[in-house]
Amino acid sequence: MRGHAIQAAIAGHGAMIASLVLVEDELSQGVLCHPFGPVIEGHAYHLLTTAENAARADVRAVMAWLRTVVSS
């Protein structure tokens, strides 16, 4: 059974932060994308969304905010 956040991301309701282990099938099938690029070893959570939502202004704003927060 999938978690609510994973189901919501797959349904196109925005982005989520999750362990890549939980969504490896969805990533390999192209259902979800990893818009931040390569995986950085040692980090357990990654932002995931659909390719379509990655282009949305509100999702991009959250991505920019997260980059600022984690780079501090």
PDB file of N, CA and C in Angstrom:
ATOM      1  N   MET A   1       0.835  -1.186   0.000  1.00  0.00           N
ATOM      2  CA  MET A   1       0.000   0.000   0.000  1.00  0.00           C
ATOM      3  C   MET A   1       0.880   1.251   0.000  1.00  0.00           C
ATOM      4  N   ARG A   2       0.562   2.197  -0.832  1.00  0.00           N
ATOM      5  CA  ARG A   2       1.314   3.441  -0.946  1.00  0.00           C
ATOM      6  C   ARG A   2       0.838   4.458   0.063  1.00  0.00           C
ATOM      7  N   GLY A   3       1.773   5.293   0.539  1.00  0.00           N
ATOM      8  CA  GLY A   3       1.417   6.372   1.440  1.00  0.00           C
ATOM      9  C   GLY A   3       0.621   7.441   0.724  1.00  0.00           C
ATOM     10  N   HIS A   4      -0.098   8.233   1.502  1.00  0.00           N
ATOM     11  CA  HIS A   4      -0.920   9.292   0.922  1.00  0.00           C
ATOM     12  C   HIS A   4      -0.101  10.300   0.132  1.00  0.00           C
ATOM     13  N   ALA A   5       1.075  10.663   0.619  1.00  0.00           N
ATOM     14  CA  ALA A   5       1.906  11.647  -0.092  1.00  0.00           C
ATOM     15  C   ALA A   5       2.344  11.106  -1.449  1.00  0.00           C
ATOM     16  N   ILE A   6       2.705   9.834  -1.488  1.00  0.00           N
ATOM     17  CA  ILE A   6       3.114   9.225  -2.767  1.00  0.00           C
ATOM     18  C   ILE A   6       1.932   9.198  -3.727  1.00  0.00           C
ATOM     19  N   GLN A   7       0.777   8.773  -3.243  1.00  0.00           N
ATOM     20  CA  GLN A   7      -0.425   8.731  -4.092  1.00  0.00           C
ATOM     21  C   GLN A   7      -0.783  10.123  -4.603  1.00  0.00           C
ATOM     22  N   ALA A   8      -0.663  11.128  -3.744  1.00  0.00           N
ATOM     23  CA  ALA A   8      -0.989  12.496  -4.151  1.00  0.00           C
ATOM     24  C   ALA A   8      -0.023  12.983  -5.227  1.00  0.00           C
ATOM     25  N   ALA A   9       1.266  12.706  -5.076  1.00  0.00           N
ATOM     26  CA  ALA A   9       2.242  13.121  -6.087  1.00  0.00           C
ATOM     27  C   ALA A   9       1.975  12.433  -7.420  1.00  0.00           C
ATOM     28  N   ILE A  10       1.685  11.143  -7.380  1.00  0.00           N
ATOM     29  CA  ILE A  10       1.383  10.397  -8.604  1.00  0.00           C
ATOM     30  C   ILE A  10       0.131  10.955  -9.278  1.00  0.00           C
ATOM     31  N   ALA A  11      -0.834  11.384  -8.480  1.00  0.00           N
ATOM     32  CA  ALA A  11      -2.078  11.938  -9.029  1.00  0.00           C
ATOM     33  C   ALA A  11      -1.907  13.360  -9.550  1.00  0.00           C
ATOM     34  N   GLY A  12      -0.713  13.937  -9.358  1.00  0.00           N
ATOM     35  CA  GLY A  12      -0.455  15.271  -9.889  1.00  0.00           C
ATOM     36  C   GLY A  12      -0.839  16.400  -8.961  1.00  0.00           C
ATOM     37  N   HIS A  13      -0.945  16.130  -7.666  1.00  0.00           N
ATOM     38  CA  HIS A  13      -1.363  17.145  -6.705  1.00  0.00           C
ATOM     39  C   HIS A  13      -0.202  17.930  -6.110  1.00  0.00           C
ATOM     40  N   GLY A  14       0.972  17.861  -6.698  1.00  0.00           N
ATOM     41  CA  GLY A  14       2.109  18.632  -6.205  1.00  0.00           C
ATOM     42  C   GLY A  14       3.348  17.783  -6.042  1.00  0.00           C
ATOM     43  N   ALA A  15       4.239  18.263  -5.194  1.00  0.00           N
ATOM     44  CA  ALA A  15       5.528  17.610  -4.975  1.00  0.00           C
ATOM     45  C   ALA A  15       5.552  16.968  -3.597  1.00  0.00           C
ATOM     46  N   MET A  16       6.521  16.095  -3.380  1.00  0.00           N
ATOM     47  CA  MET A  16       6.685  15.453  -2.077  1.00  0.00           C
ATOM     48  C   MET A  16       8.156  15.225  -1.809  1.00  0.00           C
ATOM     49  N   ILE A  17       8.481  15.059  -0.566  1.00  0.00           N
ATOM     50  CA  ILE A  17       9.833  14.688  -0.166  1.00  0.00           C
ATOM     51  C   ILE A  17       9.747  13.260   0.347  1.00  0.00           C
ATOM     52  N   ALA A  18      10.567  12.362  -0.214  1.00  0.00           N
ATOM     53  CA  ALA A  18      10.458  10.951   0.147  1.00  0.00           C
ATOM     54  C   ALA A  18      11.785  10.238  -0.029  1.00  0.00           C
ATOM     55  N   SER A  19      11.860   9.096   0.579  1.00  0.00           N
ATOM     56  CA  SER A  19      12.978   8.199   0.355  1.00  0.00           C
ATOM     57  C   SER A  19      12.856   7.633  -1.057  1.00  0.00           C
ATOM     58  N   LEU A  20      13.950   7.620  -1.796  1.00  0.00           N
ATOM     59  CA  LEU A  20      13.911   7.091  -3.156  1.00  0.00           C
ATOM     60  C   LEU A  20      13.607   5.597  -3.179  1.00  0.00           C
ATOM     61  N   VAL A  21      13.910   4.897  -2.102  1.00  0.00           N
ATOM     62  CA  VAL A  21      13.618   3.468  -2.021  1.00  0.00           C
ATOM     63  C   VAL A  21      12.120   3.214  -2.147  1.00  0.00           C
ATOM     64  N   LEU A  22      11.317   4.108  -1.574  1.00  0.00           N
ATOM     65  CA  LEU A  22       9.865   3.919  -1.596  1.00  0.00           C
ATOM     66  C   LEU A  22       9.247   4.133  -2.966  1.00  0.00           C
ATOM     67  N   VAL A  23       9.922   4.852  -3.837  1.00  0.00           N
ATOM     68  CA  VAL A  23       9.346   5.192  -5.139  1.00  0.00           C
ATOM     69  C   VAL A  23      10.231   4.766  -6.307  1.00  0.00           C
ATOM     70  N   GLU A  24      11.111   3.794  -6.075  1.00  0.00           N
ATOM     71  CA  GLU A  24      12.031   3.399  -7.140  1.00  0.00           C
ATOM     72  C   GLU A  24      11.304   2.897  -8.389  1.00  0.00           C
ATOM     73  N   ASP A  25      10.192   2.164  -8.210  1.00  0.00           N
ATOM     74  CA  ASP A  25       9.434   1.681  -9.374  1.00  0.00           C
ATOM     75  C   ASP A  25       8.838   2.842 -10.160  1.00  0.00           C
ATOM     76  N   GLU A  26       8.243   3.805  -9.455  1.00  0.00           N
ATOM     77  CA  GLU A  26       7.630   4.957 -10.107  1.00  0.00           C
ATOM     78  C   GLU A  26       8.671   5.803 -10.838  1.00  0.00           C
ATOM     79  N   LEU A  27       9.848   5.929 -10.267  1.00  0.00           N
ATOM     80  CA  LEU A  27      10.924   6.677 -10.928  1.00  0.00           C
ATOM     81  C   LEU A  27      11.394   5.951 -12.181  1.00  0.00           C
ATOM     82  N   SER A  28      11.603   4.635 -12.078  1.00  0.00           N
ATOM     83  CA  SER A  28      12.087   3.877 -13.240  1.00  0.00           C
ATOM     84  C   SER A  28      11.058   3.814 -14.356  1.00  0.00           C
ATOM     85  N   GLN A  29       9.756   3.885 -14.001  1.00  0.00           N
ATOM     86  CA  GLN A  29       8.689   3.863 -15.002  1.00  0.00           C
ATOM     87  C   GLN A  29       8.351   5.252 -15.536  1.00  0.00           C
ATOM     88  N   GLY A  30       8.962   6.304 -14.958  1.00  0.00           N
ATOM     89  CA  GLY A  30       8.699   7.657 -15.407  1.00  0.00           C
ATOM     90  C   GLY A  30       7.412   8.256 -14.857  1.00  0.00           C
ATOM     91  N   VAL A  31       6.787   7.599 -13.885  1.00  0.00           N
ATOM     92  CA  VAL A  31       5.565   8.116 -13.274  1.00  0.00           C
ATOM     93  C   VAL A  31       5.893   9.347 -12.431  1.00  0.00           C
ATOM     94  N   LEU A  32       7.012   9.305 -11.712  1.00  0.00           N
ATOM     95  CA  LEU A  32       7.520  10.442 -10.950  1.00  0.00           C
ATOM     96  C   LEU A  32       8.891  10.813 -11.493  1.00  0.00           C
ATOM     97  N   CYS A  33       9.281  12.061 -11.285  1.00  0.00           N
ATOM     98  CA  CYS A  33      10.616  12.483 -11.690  1.00  0.00           C
ATOM     99  C   CYS A  33      11.322  13.085 -10.487  1.00  0.00           C
ATOM    100  N   HIS A  34      12.619  13.169 -10.580  1.00  0.00           N
ATOM    101  CA  HIS A  34      13.474  13.701  -9.525  1.00  0.00           C
ATOM    102  C   HIS A  34      14.060  15.003 -10.071  1.00  0.00           C
ATOM    103  N   PRO A  35      13.341  16.145  -9.904  1.00  0.00           N
ATOM    104  CA  PRO A  35      13.719  17.379 -10.594  1.00  0.00           C
ATOM    105  C   PRO A  35      15.007  18.028 -10.113  1.00  0.00           C
ATOM    106  N   PHE A  36      15.580  17.573  -9.004  1.00  0.00           N
ATOM    107  CA  PHE A  36      16.816  18.169  -8.523  1.00  0.00           C
ATOM    108  C   PHE A  36      18.051  17.547  -9.145  1.00  0.00           C
ATOM    109  N   GLY A  37      17.888  16.583 -10.025  1.00  0.00           N
ATOM    110  CA  GLY A  37      19.041  16.013 -10.690  1.00  0.00           C
ATOM    111  C   GLY A  37      19.611  14.824  -9.959  1.00  0.00           C
ATOM    112  N   PRO A  38      20.936  14.688  -9.947  1.00  0.00           N
ATOM    113  CA  PRO A  38      21.556  13.470  -9.412  1.00  0.00           C
ATOM    114  C   PRO A  38      21.325  13.317  -7.902  1.00  0.00           C
ATOM    115  N   VAL A  39      21.367  12.070  -7.479  1.00  0.00           N
ATOM    116  CA  VAL A  39      21.233  11.751  -6.060  1.00  0.00           C
ATOM    117  C   VAL A  39      22.546  12.057  -5.360  1.00  0.00           C
ATOM    118  N   ILE A  40      22.465  12.711  -4.235  1.00  0.00           N
ATOM    119  CA  ILE A  40      23.653  13.005  -3.437  1.00  0.00           C
ATOM    120  C   ILE A  40      23.739  11.944  -2.355  1.00  0.00           C
ATOM    121  N   GLU A  41      24.824  11.190  -2.355  1.00  0.00           N
ATOM    122  CA  GLU A  41      24.983  10.110  -1.385  1.00  0.00           C
ATOM    123  C   GLU A  41      24.878  10.650   0.031  1.00  0.00           C
ATOM    124  N   GLY A  42      24.226   9.878   0.887  1.00  0.00           N
ATOM    125  CA  GLY A  42      24.111  10.249   2.282  1.00  0.00           C
ATOM    126  C   GLY A  42      22.845  10.998   2.620  1.00  0.00           C
ATOM    127  N   HIS A  43      22.105  11.442   1.636  1.00  0.00           N
ATOM    128  CA  HIS A  43      20.851  12.134   1.891  1.00  0.00           C
ATOM    129  C   HIS A  43      19.713  11.131   1.741  1.00  0.00           C
ATOM    130  N   ALA A  44      18.859  11.054   2.745  1.00  0.00           N
ATOM    131  CA  ALA A  44      17.819  10.035   2.763  1.00  0.00           C
ATOM    132  C   ALA A  44      16.532  10.469   2.066  1.00  0.00           C
ATOM    133  N   TYR A  45      16.308  11.766   1.887  1.00  0.00           N
ATOM    134  CA  TYR A  45      15.049  12.236   1.320  1.00  0.00           C
ATOM    135  C   TYR A  45      15.299  13.135   0.120  1.00  0.00           C
ATOM    136  N   HIS A  46      14.383  13.071  -0.849  1.00  0.00           N
ATOM    137  CA  HIS A  46      14.510  13.819  -2.098  1.00  0.00           C
ATOM    138  C   HIS A  46      13.146  14.344  -2.505  1.00  0.00           C
ATOM    139  N   LEU A  47      13.123  15.487  -3.157  1.00  0.00           N
ATOM    140  CA  LEU A  47      11.871  16.046  -3.651  1.00  0.00           C
ATOM    141  C   LEU A  47      11.474  15.310  -4.919  1.00  0.00           C
ATOM    142  N   LEU A  48      10.217  14.874  -4.980  1.00  0.00           N
ATOM    143  CA  LEU A  48       9.705  14.145  -6.133  1.00  0.00           C
ATOM    144  C   LEU A  48       8.391  14.759  -6.577  1.00  0.00           C
ATOM    145  N   THR A  49       8.161  14.748  -7.880  1.00  0.00           N
ATOM    146  CA  THR A  49       6.912  15.247  -8.447  1.00  0.00           C
ATOM    147  C   THR A  49       6.759  14.659  -9.837  1.00  0.00           C
ATOM    148  N   THR A  50       5.653  14.929 -10.491  1.00  0.00           N
ATOM    149  CA  THR A  50       5.520  14.513 -11.886  1.00  0.00           C
ATOM    150  C   THR A  50       6.282  15.518 -12.748  1.00  0.00           C
ATOM    151  N   ALA A  51       6.650  15.125 -13.944  1.00  0.00           N
ATOM    152  CA  ALA A  51       7.357  16.028 -14.850  1.00  0.00           C
ATOM    153  C   ALA A  51       6.497  17.261 -15.148  1.00  0.00           C
ATOM    154  N   GLU A  52       5.195  17.051 -15.284  1.00  0.00           N
ATOM    155  CA  GLU A  52       4.276  18.170 -15.556  1.00  0.00           C
ATOM    156  C   GLU A  52       4.256  19.161 -14.395  1.00  0.00           C
ATOM    157  N   ASN A  53       4.181  18.656 -13.174  1.00  0.00           N
ATOM    158  CA  ASN A  53       4.143  19.548 -12.017  1.00  0.00           C
ATOM    159  C   ASN A  53       5.473  20.239 -11.769  1.00  0.00           C
ATOM    160  N   ALA A  54       6.567  19.649 -12.201  1.00  0.00           N
ATOM    161  CA  ALA A  54       7.878  20.275 -12.021  1.00  0.00           C
ATOM    162  C   ALA A  54       7.953  21.610 -12.758  1.00  0.00           C
ATOM    163  N   ALA A  55       7.095  21.809 -13.749  1.00  0.00           N
ATOM    164  CA  ALA A  55       7.077  23.056 -14.512  1.00  0.00           C
ATOM    165  C   ALA A  55       6.138  24.107 -13.909  1.00  0.00           C
ATOM    166  N   ARG A  56       5.321  23.720 -12.918  1.00  0.00           N
ATOM    167  CA  ARG A  56       4.382  24.664 -12.303  1.00  0.00           C
ATOM    168  C   ARG A  56       5.111  25.689 -11.456  1.00  0.00           C
ATOM    169  N   ALA A  57       4.638  26.917 -11.477  1.00  0.00           N
ATOM    170  CA  ALA A  57       5.277  28.011 -10.731  1.00  0.00           C
ATOM    171  C   ALA A  57       5.274  27.759  -9.229  1.00  0.00           C
ATOM    172  N   ASP A  58       4.171  27.246  -8.684  1.00  0.00           N
ATOM    173  CA  ASP A  58       4.125  27.031  -7.243  1.00  0.00           C
ATOM    174  C   ASP A  58       5.063  25.910  -6.800  1.00  0.00           C
ATOM    175  N   VAL A  59       5.160  24.856  -7.601  1.00  0.00           N
ATOM    176  CA  VAL A  59       6.075  23.761  -7.275  1.00  0.00           C
ATOM    177  C   VAL A  59       7.522  24.243  -7.412  1.00  0.00           C
ATOM    178  N   ARG A  60       7.798  25.029  -8.449  1.00  0.00           N
ATOM    179  CA  ARG A  60       9.152  25.562  -8.629  1.00  0.00           C
ATOM    180  C   ARG A  60       9.529  26.496  -7.477  1.00  0.00           C
ATOM    181  N   ALA A  61       8.557  27.232  -6.931  1.00  0.00           N
ATOM    182  CA  ALA A  61       8.824  28.109  -5.796  1.00  0.00           C
ATOM    183  C   ALA A  61       9.201  27.288  -4.564  1.00  0.00           C
ATOM    184  N   VAL A  62       8.503  26.177  -4.344  1.00  0.00           N
ATOM    185  CA  VAL A  62       8.854  25.302  -3.217  1.00  0.00           C
ATOM    186  C   VAL A  62      10.236  24.702  -3.431  1.00  0.00           C
ATOM    187  N   MET A  63      10.533  24.287  -4.653  1.00  0.00           N
ATOM    188  CA  MET A  63      11.860  23.731  -4.943  1.00  0.00           C
ATOM    189  C   MET A  63      12.948  24.764  -4.666  1.00  0.00           C
ATOM    190  N   ALA A  64      12.744  26.008  -5.082  1.00  0.00           N
ATOM    191  CA  ALA A  64      13.732  27.064  -4.842  1.00  0.00           C
ATOM    192  C   ALA A  64      13.901  27.316  -3.354  1.00  0.00           C
ATOM    193  N   TRP A  65      12.783  27.339  -2.618  1.00  0.00           N
ATOM    194  CA  TRP A  65      12.842  27.550  -1.174  1.00  0.00           C
ATOM    195  C   TRP A  65      13.611  26.416  -0.498  1.00  0.00           C
ATOM    196  N   LEU A  66      13.323  25.164  -0.888  1.00  0.00           N
ATOM    197  CA  LEU A  66      14.034  24.027  -0.293  1.00  0.00           C
ATOM    198  C   LEU A  66      15.529  24.091  -0.577  1.00  0.00           C
ATOM    199  N   ARG A  67      15.889  24.473  -1.791  1.00  0.00           N
ATOM    200  CA  ARG A  67      17.322  24.599  -2.115  1.00  0.00           C
ATOM    201  C   ARG A  67      17.977  25.628  -1.200  1.00  0.00           C
ATOM    202  N   THR A  68      17.302  26.742  -0.959  1.00  0.00           N
ATOM    203  CA  THR A  68      17.836  27.783  -0.087  1.00  0.00           C
ATOM    204  C   THR A  68      17.994  27.253   1.337  1.00  0.00           C
ATOM    205  N   VAL A  69      16.989  26.566   1.828  1.00  0.00           N
ATOM    206  CA  VAL A  69      17.004  26.064   3.198  1.00  0.00           C
ATOM    207  C   VAL A  69      18.113  25.028   3.402  1.00  0.00           C
ATOM    208  N   VAL A  70      18.231  24.086   2.477  1.00  0.00           N
ATOM    209  CA  VAL A  70      19.216  23.016   2.673  1.00  0.00           C
ATOM    210  C   VAL A  70      20.641  23.462   2.370  1.00  0.00           C
ATOM    211  N   SER A  71      20.809  24.539   1.646  1.00  0.00           N
ATOM    212  CA  SER A  71      22.169  25.009   1.351  1.00  0.00           C
ATOM    213  C   SER A  71      22.718  25.924   2.440  1.00  0.00           C
ATOM    214  N   SER A  72      21.867  26.279   3.406  1.00  0.00           N
ATOM    215  CA  SER A  72      22.306  27.179   4.496  1.00  0.00           C
ATOM    216  C   SER A  72      23.110  26.436   5.532  1.00  0.00           C
TER     217      SER A  72
END
